[in-house]
């Protein structure tokens, strides 16, 4: 699969943002890391899939929620908020890396 951005750097930066935020500190660090890793992988796969087409936040949100629920079903109550925060953190990562283009 084509790498559109540094996947490891995205995972590390987004996890750092979650750690700094502290809202999910009730999760074990390895659980949060696993969920974030899965979300980055799903997001990256979607970006590869769409190529130059428009990034549809509704489509990816549904995919991310499904992936989060598969990865950490014990936190189902909190996953909508986690995915929303993830999407904000990923957007900021892409902006910081100069990879996000606004239409």
N, C-alpha and C. Protein backbone atom coordinates (compact mmCIF):
# COMPACT_ATOMS: atom_id res chain seq x y z
N UNK A 1 0.84 -1.18 0.00
CA UNK A 1 0.00 0.00 0.00
C UNK A 1 0.88 1.24 0.00
N UNK A 2 0.50 2.18 -0.83
CA UNK A 2 1.22 3.45 -0.92
C UNK A 2 1.12 4.20 0.42
N UNK A 3 2.23 4.74 0.88
CA UNK A 3 2.22 5.50 2.13
C UNK A 3 2.08 6.98 1.80
N UNK A 4 0.94 7.56 2.19
CA UNK A 4 0.63 8.95 1.90
C UNK A 4 1.24 9.91 2.92
N UNK A 5 1.50 9.37 4.10
CA UNK A 5 2.12 10.13 5.17
C UNK A 5 2.84 9.15 6.06
N UNK A 6 3.66 9.65 6.95
CA UNK A 6 4.41 8.80 7.86
C UNK A 6 3.44 8.23 8.90
N UNK A 7 3.05 6.98 8.69
CA UNK A 7 2.04 6.34 9.54
C UNK A 7 2.50 6.26 10.99
N UNK A 8 3.73 5.88 11.20
CA UNK A 8 4.25 5.77 12.57
C UNK A 8 4.26 7.13 13.25
N UNK A 9 4.64 8.17 12.52
CA UNK A 9 4.64 9.53 13.10
C UNK A 9 3.23 9.98 13.43
N UNK A 10 2.28 9.65 12.56
CA UNK A 10 0.88 10.02 12.82
C UNK A 10 0.38 9.33 14.08
N UNK A 11 0.66 8.04 14.20
CA UNK A 11 0.22 7.30 15.38
C UNK A 11 0.83 7.90 16.65
N UNK A 12 2.11 8.19 16.59
CA UNK A 12 2.80 8.73 17.76
C UNK A 12 2.26 10.11 18.14
N UNK A 13 2.08 10.98 17.16
CA UNK A 13 1.61 12.34 17.43
C UNK A 13 0.18 12.33 17.95
N UNK A 14 -0.67 11.53 17.35
CA UNK A 14 -2.07 11.48 17.78
C UNK A 14 -2.16 10.87 19.18
N UNK A 15 -1.40 9.85 19.44
CA UNK A 15 -1.38 9.27 20.79
C UNK A 15 -0.87 10.29 21.81
N UNK A 16 0.14 11.05 21.44
CA UNK A 16 0.64 12.11 22.31
C UNK A 16 -0.46 13.14 22.60
N UNK A 17 -1.23 13.49 21.57
CA UNK A 17 -2.33 14.44 21.77
C UNK A 17 -3.37 13.88 22.74
N UNK A 18 -3.69 12.61 22.60
CA UNK A 18 -4.64 11.98 23.53
C UNK A 18 -4.08 11.97 24.95
N UNK A 19 -2.81 11.65 25.08
CA UNK A 19 -2.18 11.65 26.41
C UNK A 19 -2.21 13.04 27.03
N UNK A 20 -1.90 14.06 26.23
CA UNK A 20 -1.91 15.43 26.72
C UNK A 20 -3.32 15.88 27.09
N UNK A 21 -4.29 15.47 26.32
CA UNK A 21 -5.69 15.83 26.58
C UNK A 21 -6.17 15.21 27.88
N UNK A 22 -5.83 13.94 28.09
CA UNK A 22 -6.15 13.26 29.33
C UNK A 22 -7.57 12.75 29.47
N UNK A 23 -8.42 13.00 28.50
CA UNK A 23 -9.82 12.60 28.61
C UNK A 23 -10.02 11.09 28.57
N UNK A 24 -9.05 10.37 28.07
CA UNK A 24 -9.17 8.91 27.97
C UNK A 24 -8.14 8.21 28.85
N UNK A 25 -7.74 8.86 29.91
CA UNK A 25 -6.74 8.30 30.81
C UNK A 25 -7.27 7.08 31.58
N UNK A 26 -8.58 6.87 31.54
CA UNK A 26 -9.16 5.69 32.17
C UNK A 26 -8.85 4.42 31.38
N UNK A 27 -8.45 4.58 30.11
CA UNK A 27 -8.08 3.43 29.30
C UNK A 27 -6.63 3.06 29.61
N UNK A 28 -6.34 1.77 29.58
CA UNK A 28 -4.96 1.33 29.71
C UNK A 28 -4.17 1.88 28.53
N UNK A 29 -2.93 2.30 28.75
CA UNK A 29 -2.14 2.87 27.65
C UNK A 29 -2.06 1.95 26.42
N UNK A 30 -1.93 0.65 26.66
CA UNK A 30 -1.84 -0.26 25.52
C UNK A 30 -3.16 -0.37 24.76
N UNK A 31 -4.28 -0.21 25.46
CA UNK A 31 -5.59 -0.23 24.80
C UNK A 31 -5.76 1.01 23.93
N UNK A 32 -5.43 2.17 24.48
CA UNK A 32 -5.55 3.40 23.72
C UNK A 32 -4.62 3.37 22.50
N UNK A 33 -3.42 2.89 22.69
CA UNK A 33 -2.47 2.78 21.59
C UNK A 33 -2.99 1.86 20.50
N UNK A 34 -3.60 0.76 20.89
CA UNK A 34 -4.15 -0.19 19.92
C UNK A 34 -5.29 0.45 19.12
N UNK A 35 -6.18 1.16 19.80
CA UNK A 35 -7.29 1.81 19.12
C UNK A 35 -6.79 2.89 18.17
N UNK A 36 -5.88 3.72 18.63
CA UNK A 36 -5.35 4.80 17.78
C UNK A 36 -4.62 4.22 16.57
N UNK A 37 -3.84 3.18 16.79
CA UNK A 37 -3.16 2.53 15.67
C UNK A 37 -4.14 2.02 14.63
N UNK A 38 -5.21 1.43 15.09
CA UNK A 38 -6.24 0.90 14.18
C UNK A 38 -6.91 2.04 13.41
N UNK A 39 -7.21 3.14 14.11
CA UNK A 39 -7.87 4.27 13.45
C UNK A 39 -6.98 4.89 12.38
N UNK A 40 -5.72 5.05 12.68
CA UNK A 40 -4.78 5.61 11.70
C UNK A 40 -4.71 4.68 10.48
N UNK A 41 -4.66 3.38 10.71
CA UNK A 41 -4.59 2.43 9.60
C UNK A 41 -5.84 2.50 8.71
N UNK A 42 -7.01 2.57 9.33
CA UNK A 42 -8.27 2.66 8.58
C UNK A 42 -8.33 3.98 7.81
N UNK A 43 -7.94 5.05 8.45
CA UNK A 43 -7.96 6.37 7.81
C UNK A 43 -7.00 6.40 6.63
N UNK A 44 -5.80 5.89 6.82
CA UNK A 44 -4.82 5.86 5.74
C UNK A 44 -5.33 5.02 4.57
N UNK A 45 -5.91 3.86 4.86
CA UNK A 45 -6.44 3.00 3.80
C UNK A 45 -7.54 3.73 3.01
N UNK A 46 -8.36 4.48 3.71
CA UNK A 46 -9.42 5.25 3.04
C UNK A 46 -8.80 6.31 2.13
N UNK A 47 -7.78 7.00 2.60
CA UNK A 47 -7.12 8.02 1.79
C UNK A 47 -6.51 7.42 0.54
N UNK A 48 -5.91 6.24 0.66
CA UNK A 48 -5.36 5.56 -0.50
C UNK A 48 -6.50 5.18 -1.45
N UNK A 49 -7.58 4.66 -0.89
CA UNK A 49 -8.73 4.23 -1.69
C UNK A 49 -9.32 5.38 -2.52
N UNK A 50 -9.45 6.56 -1.92
CA UNK A 50 -10.12 7.66 -2.64
C UNK A 50 -9.18 8.42 -3.56
N UNK A 51 -7.88 8.27 -3.35
CA UNK A 51 -6.93 8.97 -4.22
C UNK A 51 -7.15 10.47 -4.18
N UNK A 52 -7.40 11.05 -5.34
CA UNK A 52 -7.59 12.50 -5.43
C UNK A 52 -9.05 12.93 -5.24
N UNK A 53 -9.94 11.98 -4.99
CA UNK A 53 -11.33 12.32 -4.76
C UNK A 53 -11.49 13.02 -3.41
N UNK A 54 -12.65 13.58 -3.18
CA UNK A 54 -12.93 14.32 -1.95
C UNK A 54 -13.03 13.37 -0.76
N UNK A 55 -12.40 13.77 0.31
CA UNK A 55 -12.43 13.04 1.59
C UNK A 55 -13.80 13.26 2.21
N UNK A 56 -14.58 12.22 2.35
CA UNK A 56 -15.94 12.31 2.88
C UNK A 56 -15.91 11.97 4.37
N UNK A 57 -16.09 12.98 5.22
CA UNK A 57 -16.01 12.78 6.67
C UNK A 57 -17.09 11.83 7.19
N UNK A 58 -18.25 11.80 6.55
CA UNK A 58 -19.30 10.89 6.99
C UNK A 58 -18.91 9.43 6.73
N UNK A 59 -18.33 9.18 5.58
CA UNK A 59 -17.91 7.82 5.23
C UNK A 59 -16.81 7.36 6.18
N UNK A 60 -15.79 8.18 6.37
CA UNK A 60 -14.69 7.75 7.22
C UNK A 60 -15.12 7.67 8.67
N UNK A 61 -16.00 8.54 9.12
CA UNK A 61 -16.49 8.47 10.50
C UNK A 61 -17.13 7.11 10.76
N UNK A 62 -17.98 6.66 9.84
CA UNK A 62 -18.63 5.35 9.99
C UNK A 62 -17.60 4.22 10.04
N UNK A 63 -16.59 4.30 9.19
CA UNK A 63 -15.54 3.28 9.18
C UNK A 63 -14.72 3.31 10.48
N UNK A 64 -14.42 4.51 10.95
CA UNK A 64 -13.64 4.64 12.19
C UNK A 64 -14.42 4.14 13.40
N UNK A 65 -15.70 4.45 13.47
CA UNK A 65 -16.52 3.96 14.57
C UNK A 65 -16.56 2.44 14.55
N UNK A 66 -16.75 1.86 13.38
CA UNK A 66 -16.79 0.39 13.27
C UNK A 66 -15.46 -0.21 13.72
N UNK A 67 -14.35 0.37 13.28
CA UNK A 67 -13.02 -0.14 13.65
C UNK A 67 -12.79 0.00 15.15
N UNK A 68 -13.18 1.13 15.72
CA UNK A 68 -13.01 1.35 17.16
C UNK A 68 -13.84 0.34 17.95
N UNK A 69 -15.06 0.10 17.51
CA UNK A 69 -15.92 -0.88 18.20
C UNK A 69 -15.37 -2.30 18.10
N UNK A 70 -14.75 -2.62 16.98
CA UNK A 70 -14.13 -3.94 16.84
C UNK A 70 -12.91 -4.07 17.74
N UNK A 71 -12.16 -2.98 17.87
CA UNK A 71 -10.90 -3.00 18.61
C UNK A 71 -11.09 -2.91 20.11
N UNK A 72 -12.06 -2.10 20.53
CA UNK A 72 -12.26 -1.88 21.98
C UNK A 72 -13.75 -1.82 22.33
N UNK A 73 -14.46 -2.92 22.13
CA UNK A 73 -15.91 -2.91 22.39
C UNK A 73 -16.27 -2.60 23.84
N UNK A 74 -15.35 -2.83 24.75
CA UNK A 74 -15.61 -2.56 26.16
C UNK A 74 -15.76 -1.06 26.44
N UNK A 75 -15.36 -0.22 25.50
CA UNK A 75 -15.45 1.24 25.67
C UNK A 75 -16.49 1.86 24.73
N UNK A 76 -17.43 1.06 24.29
CA UNK A 76 -18.41 1.50 23.30
C UNK A 76 -19.04 2.85 23.64
N UNK A 77 -19.33 3.09 24.90
CA UNK A 77 -19.96 4.32 25.34
C UNK A 77 -19.11 5.55 25.02
N UNK A 78 -17.81 5.40 24.97
CA UNK A 78 -16.89 6.52 24.80
C UNK A 78 -16.33 6.68 23.40
N UNK A 79 -16.60 5.72 22.53
CA UNK A 79 -15.90 5.68 21.25
C UNK A 79 -16.31 6.77 20.28
N UNK A 80 -17.55 7.25 20.35
CA UNK A 80 -17.93 8.35 19.46
C UNK A 80 -17.07 9.57 19.74
N UNK A 81 -16.90 9.88 21.00
CA UNK A 81 -16.06 11.04 21.38
C UNK A 81 -14.61 10.78 21.01
N UNK A 82 -14.13 9.58 21.23
CA UNK A 82 -12.75 9.25 20.89
C UNK A 82 -12.51 9.44 19.39
N UNK A 83 -13.44 8.97 18.57
CA UNK A 83 -13.27 9.10 17.12
C UNK A 83 -13.33 10.56 16.70
N UNK A 84 -14.21 11.34 17.31
CA UNK A 84 -14.27 12.77 16.99
C UNK A 84 -12.95 13.46 17.34
N UNK A 85 -12.41 13.15 18.51
CA UNK A 85 -11.12 13.72 18.89
C UNK A 85 -10.03 13.25 17.94
N UNK A 86 -10.05 11.97 17.60
CA UNK A 86 -9.07 11.42 16.66
C UNK A 86 -9.10 12.21 15.35
N UNK A 87 -10.30 12.44 14.83
CA UNK A 87 -10.41 13.14 13.54
C UNK A 87 -9.82 14.55 13.63
N UNK A 88 -10.05 15.23 14.75
CA UNK A 88 -9.46 16.55 14.95
C UNK A 88 -7.93 16.47 15.01
N UNK A 89 -7.42 15.48 15.74
CA UNK A 89 -5.97 15.32 15.88
C UNK A 89 -5.32 14.93 14.55
N UNK A 90 -5.99 14.08 13.78
CA UNK A 90 -5.44 13.70 12.48
C UNK A 90 -5.43 14.89 11.54
N UNK A 91 -6.49 15.67 11.56
CA UNK A 91 -6.52 16.87 10.72
C UNK A 91 -5.36 17.80 11.07
N UNK A 92 -5.13 18.00 12.35
CA UNK A 92 -4.03 18.87 12.77
C UNK A 92 -2.68 18.29 12.35
N UNK A 93 -2.52 16.98 12.47
CA UNK A 93 -1.28 16.33 12.04
C UNK A 93 -1.05 16.59 10.55
N UNK A 94 -2.08 16.41 9.73
CA UNK A 94 -1.94 16.61 8.29
C UNK A 94 -1.64 18.07 7.95
N UNK A 95 -2.25 19.00 8.68
CA UNK A 95 -1.96 20.42 8.48
C UNK A 95 -0.50 20.70 8.85
N UNK A 96 -0.08 20.19 10.00
CA UNK A 96 1.30 20.41 10.46
C UNK A 96 2.32 19.84 9.46
N UNK A 97 1.96 18.75 8.81
CA UNK A 97 2.86 18.12 7.84
C UNK A 97 2.75 18.75 6.44
N UNK A 98 1.84 19.71 6.28
CA UNK A 98 1.64 20.36 4.98
C UNK A 98 0.96 19.46 3.97
N UNK A 99 0.16 18.53 4.44
CA UNK A 99 -0.45 17.54 3.55
C UNK A 99 -1.95 17.76 3.34
N UNK A 100 -2.52 18.74 3.98
CA UNK A 100 -3.95 18.96 3.88
C UNK A 100 -4.24 20.14 2.98
N UNK A 101 -5.09 19.90 2.00
CA UNK A 101 -5.50 20.95 1.07
C UNK A 101 -6.97 21.24 1.30
N UNK A 102 -7.30 22.50 1.51
CA UNK A 102 -8.70 22.91 1.70
C UNK A 102 -9.29 23.30 0.37
N UNK A 103 -10.55 22.91 0.17
CA UNK A 103 -11.25 23.30 -1.09
C UNK A 103 -12.14 24.48 -0.83
